[in-house]
N, C-alpha and C. Protein backbone atom coordinates (compact mmCIF):
# COMPACT_ATOMS: atom_id res chain seq x y z
N MET A 1 -5.70 51.79 -13.79
CA MET A 1 -5.37 51.14 -14.25
C MET A 1 -4.48 50.03 -13.23
N ASN A 2 -5.03 49.50 -12.73
CA ASN A 2 -3.89 48.72 -11.18
C ASN A 2 -3.81 47.28 -11.98
N ASP A 3 -2.36 47.23 -11.88
CA ASP A 3 -1.35 46.05 -13.41
C ASP A 3 -1.36 45.08 -11.74
N HIS A 4 -1.86 44.77 -10.34
CA HIS A 4 -1.43 43.94 -10.05
C HIS A 4 -1.93 43.18 -9.59
N ALA A 5 -1.38 42.12 -9.28
CA ALA A 5 -2.29 40.70 -9.04
C ALA A 5 -2.54 40.52 -7.44
N PRO A 6 -3.37 40.47 -7.04
CA PRO A 6 -3.44 40.14 -5.54
C PRO A 6 -2.97 39.22 -4.88
N ILE A 7 -2.61 39.05 -3.92
CA ILE A 7 -1.32 39.06 -2.78
C ILE A 7 -2.52 37.52 -2.27
N SER A 8 -1.79 36.14 -2.54
CA SER A 8 -2.84 34.93 -2.65
C SER A 8 -1.76 34.77 -1.01
N LEU A 9 -1.89 33.40 -0.09
CA LEU A 9 -0.57 33.33 0.23
C LEU A 9 -1.31 31.44 0.67
N SER A 10 -1.26 31.04 -0.39
CA SER A 10 -1.33 29.81 -0.40
C SER A 10 -0.31 28.84 0.17
N ALA A 11 0.30 29.90 0.02
CA ALA A 11 2.02 28.77 -0.19
C ALA A 11 1.95 28.76 0.90
N SER A 12 1.38 28.98 1.74
CA SER A 12 1.57 28.90 3.55
C SER A 12 0.51 28.73 4.10
N ALA A 13 -0.86 28.12 3.69
CA ALA A 13 -2.11 27.01 3.72
C ALA A 13 -2.24 26.27 4.68
N SER A 14 -2.21 26.40 5.47
CA SER A 14 -2.44 24.73 6.69
C SER A 14 -3.02 24.56 6.99
N PRO A 15 -3.97 23.61 7.42
CA PRO A 15 -5.16 23.12 7.85
C PRO A 15 -5.80 24.74 8.97
N THR A 16 -5.10 25.10 9.11
CA THR A 16 -6.37 26.61 10.93
C THR A 16 -6.24 27.53 9.85
N MET A 17 -4.86 27.53 8.37
CA MET A 17 -5.05 29.21 8.21
C MET A 17 -5.89 28.97 6.15
N PRO A 18 -7.52 29.40 5.84
CA PRO A 18 -6.81 29.01 4.41
C PRO A 18 -6.72 29.65 3.57
N ALA A 19 -6.31 28.24 2.47
CA ALA A 19 -5.44 28.70 1.66
C ALA A 19 -5.39 30.16 1.24
N ALA A 20 -6.35 31.17 0.84
CA ALA A 20 -6.75 32.41 0.49
C ALA A 20 -6.28 33.88 2.04
N VAL A 21 -6.03 34.78 2.68
CA VAL A 21 -6.27 35.33 3.72
C VAL A 21 -5.82 36.84 3.34
N SER A 22 -7.19 36.93 3.34
CA SER A 22 -7.01 38.20 3.67
C SER A 22 -6.31 38.89 3.88
N ILE A 23 -5.28 40.30 3.95
CA ILE A 23 -4.43 40.60 4.50
C ILE A 23 -5.12 42.08 6.05
N ALA A 24 -6.15 42.24 5.88
CA ALA A 24 -6.86 43.09 6.12
C ALA A 24 -7.41 42.96 7.23
N ASN A 25 -7.78 41.49 6.97
CA ASN A 25 -8.22 40.38 8.19
C ASN A 25 -7.15 39.76 8.93
N PRO A 26 -6.20 39.99 9.36
CA PRO A 26 -4.73 38.68 9.97
C PRO A 26 -5.79 37.83 11.14
N ALA A 27 -4.99 36.40 11.30
CA ALA A 27 -5.62 35.41 12.56
C ALA A 27 -5.34 36.10 13.20
N PRO A 28 -5.70 35.84 14.49
CA PRO A 28 -5.03 36.24 16.37
C PRO A 28 -4.37 35.69 16.36
N PHE A 29 -2.63 36.30 17.01
CA PHE A 29 -1.91 35.65 17.22
C PHE A 29 -2.33 35.58 18.86
N PRO A 30 -1.64 33.97 19.38
CA PRO A 30 -1.61 33.53 20.79
C PRO A 30 -0.76 34.45 22.26
N PRO A 31 -1.26 34.44 22.58
CA PRO A 31 -0.69 35.60 23.77
C PRO A 31 0.77 34.42 24.37
N ARG A 32 1.60 34.98 24.61
CA ARG A 32 2.90 34.50 24.76
C ARG A 32 2.66 34.22 27.21
N LYS A 33 3.37 33.11 26.10
CA LYS A 33 2.98 32.02 27.76
C LYS A 33 4.44 32.42 28.03
N PRO A 34 3.96 33.46 29.98
CA PRO A 34 5.35 33.51 30.80
C PRO A 34 6.13 32.76 30.90
N GLU A 35 7.33 33.11 30.72
CA GLU A 35 8.54 31.51 31.90
C GLU A 35 8.50 31.68 32.98
N PRO A 36 8.60 30.27 33.54
CA PRO A 36 8.43 29.96 34.71
C PRO A 36 9.01 31.29 35.07
N HIS A 37 10.78 31.57 35.69
CA HIS A 37 10.71 32.41 36.19
C HIS A 37 9.40 33.55 36.26
N GLU A 38 8.75 34.06 35.73
CA GLU A 38 8.00 35.99 35.87
C GLU A 38 6.92 35.09 36.94
N CYS A 39 7.38 33.98 37.58
CA CYS A 39 5.72 33.56 38.17
C CYS A 39 7.03 33.90 39.94
N CYS A 40 5.85 34.37 40.41
CA CYS A 40 7.00 34.42 42.05
C CYS A 40 6.84 33.36 42.94
N GLY A 41 5.12 33.07 42.47
CA GLY A 41 4.92 31.93 43.51
C GLY A 41 4.60 32.23 44.85
N THR A 42 4.59 34.16 45.12
CA THR A 42 3.28 34.00 46.35
C THR A 42 2.42 34.62 46.26
N GLY A 43 1.52 33.85 45.97
CA GLY A 43 -0.32 34.01 45.30
C GLY A 43 -0.50 36.06 44.78
N CYS A 44 0.11 36.19 43.92
CA CYS A 44 -0.14 37.22 44.06
C CYS A 44 -1.44 37.45 42.69
N ILE A 45 -1.80 38.37 42.75
CA ILE A 45 -4.06 38.28 42.17
C ILE A 45 -3.54 40.01 41.49
N PRO A 46 -3.43 39.57 39.80
CA PRO A 46 -3.70 38.21 40.21
C PRO A 46 -2.46 37.74 39.36
N CYS A 47 -1.91 36.89 39.28
CA CYS A 47 -0.73 36.22 39.18
C CYS A 47 -0.90 36.39 37.19
N VAL A 48 0.37 36.85 36.88
CA VAL A 48 1.01 36.69 35.02
C VAL A 48 0.27 35.06 35.03
N MET A 49 0.52 34.02 35.51
CA MET A 49 0.05 32.26 34.70
C MET A 49 -1.53 33.00 34.44
N ASP A 50 -3.04 33.74 36.08
CA ASP A 50 -4.06 33.59 35.26
C ASP A 50 -4.13 35.00 34.23
N ILE A 51 -3.50 36.27 34.05
CA ILE A 51 -2.75 36.55 33.12
C ILE A 51 -3.24 36.02 32.01
N TYR A 52 -2.51 35.02 31.64
CA TYR A 52 -2.30 34.16 30.87
C TYR A 52 -2.98 33.51 30.42
N GLU A 53 -4.29 32.47 31.80
CA GLU A 53 -5.09 32.29 31.09
C GLU A 53 -6.21 33.12 30.37
N GLU A 54 -6.40 33.77 31.16
CA GLU A 54 -7.91 34.74 30.05
C GLU A 54 -7.38 35.30 28.81
N GLU A 55 -5.60 35.60 29.11
CA GLU A 55 -5.47 36.12 27.67
C GLU A 55 -5.93 34.64 26.50
N LEU A 56 -5.86 33.34 26.54
CA LEU A 56 -5.27 32.10 26.36
C LEU A 56 -6.52 32.12 25.85
N TRP A 57 -8.04 32.05 27.27
CA TRP A 57 -8.92 31.91 26.87
C TRP A 57 -9.73 32.61 25.69
N GLN A 58 -9.29 34.38 25.79
CA GLN A 58 -9.86 35.13 24.43
C GLN A 58 -9.31 35.09 22.98
N TYR A 59 -8.43 34.38 22.43
CA TYR A 59 -6.98 34.60 22.20
C TYR A 59 -8.41 32.57 21.35
N GLU A 60 -8.44 32.26 22.09
CA GLU A 60 -9.40 30.70 21.71
C GLU A 60 -11.07 31.13 20.97
N LYS A 61 -11.08 32.06 20.92
CA LYS A 61 -12.78 32.43 21.47
C LYS A 61 -12.46 33.26 19.60
N ASP A 62 -11.53 34.06 20.19
CA ASP A 62 -11.27 35.14 18.54
C ASP A 62 -10.82 34.05 17.59
N LEU A 63 -10.31 33.05 17.69
CA LEU A 63 -9.73 32.59 16.27
C LEU A 63 -10.94 31.88 16.19
N LYS A 64 -11.69 30.99 16.73
CA LYS A 64 -12.94 30.28 16.45
C LYS A 64 -13.77 31.14 15.43
N VAL A 65 -13.87 32.35 15.45
CA VAL A 65 -14.34 33.20 14.74
C VAL A 65 -13.61 33.84 13.93
N TRP A 66 -13.22 34.16 13.76
CA TRP A 66 -12.13 34.90 13.44
C TRP A 66 -12.16 33.09 12.13
N GLU A 67 -12.05 31.91 12.38
CA GLU A 67 -11.79 30.96 11.15
C GLU A 67 -13.08 30.51 11.10
N ALA A 68 -14.49 30.85 11.86
CA ALA A 68 -15.90 31.02 10.64
C ALA A 68 -15.55 31.83 9.22
N ALA A 69 -15.15 33.40 10.24
CA ALA A 69 -15.92 33.98 9.10
C ALA A 69 -14.75 34.31 7.84
N ASN A 70 -13.75 33.53 7.87
CA ASN A 70 -12.62 33.53 6.86
C ASN A 70 -12.48 31.58 6.34
N ILE A 71 -12.55 30.30 6.85
CA ILE A 71 -13.01 30.28 6.06
C ILE A 71 -13.72 29.27 5.51
N ALA A 72 -15.20 30.26 5.84
CA ALA A 72 -15.98 31.00 4.87
C ALA A 72 -15.55 31.02 3.66
N LYS A 73 -14.68 32.25 3.37
CA LYS A 73 -14.89 33.25 2.51
C LYS A 73 -13.60 31.85 1.98
N ALA A 74 -12.91 30.86 2.05
CA ALA A 74 -11.82 30.55 0.76
C ALA A 74 -11.92 30.22 0.31
N PRO A 75 -11.73 30.76 -1.71
CA PRO A 75 -11.79 30.02 -2.32
C PRO A 75 -12.04 27.95 -2.57
N ALA A 76 -13.37 27.88 -2.67
CA ALA A 76 -12.51 26.41 -2.96
C ALA A 76 -11.92 25.70 -3.78
N ASP A 77 -11.39 24.18 -3.34
CA ASP A 77 -10.44 23.79 -4.82
C ASP A 77 -11.10 23.72 -5.91
N LYS A 78 -10.83 23.91 -7.61
CA LYS A 78 -11.51 23.63 -8.17
C LYS A 78 -11.36 22.15 -9.19
N SER A 79 -10.07 21.25 -8.48
CA SER A 79 -9.39 21.44 -9.77
C SER A 79 -10.02 19.56 -10.02
N PRO A 80 -9.30 19.12 -9.94
CA PRO A 80 -10.28 17.58 -10.65
C PRO A 80 -9.37 16.52 -10.04
N PRO A 81 -10.93 15.97 -9.61
CA PRO A 81 -10.90 14.67 -8.97
C PRO A 81 -9.58 13.90 -8.93
N ASN A 82 -9.18 13.59 -7.99
CA ASN A 82 -7.74 12.78 -8.80
C ASN A 82 -8.19 11.10 -8.00
N ARG A 83 -8.24 10.52 -9.93
CA ARG A 83 -8.96 9.13 -9.96
C ARG A 83 -7.57 8.05 -10.74
N THR A 84 -7.37 7.64 -9.90
CA THR A 84 -5.95 7.06 -9.40
C THR A 84 -6.83 5.09 -9.53
């Protein structure tokens, strides 16, 4: 018998992250933006900035898919409405 409570990350919930997140399906991480000194400025193909832009595009695409899948699964707030 498992006496452990399920893991909930509600304390770290944000507008972009649902209240309960599956550890088995974590949100994608954004790519690291290169520092200005990492680009030599000689027009390399591919440039580190070009690689970053491609990784950023893929991250944004992956994040939208992840949010759609996980926000739909997030439990609805069952608290009574605030009537003031």
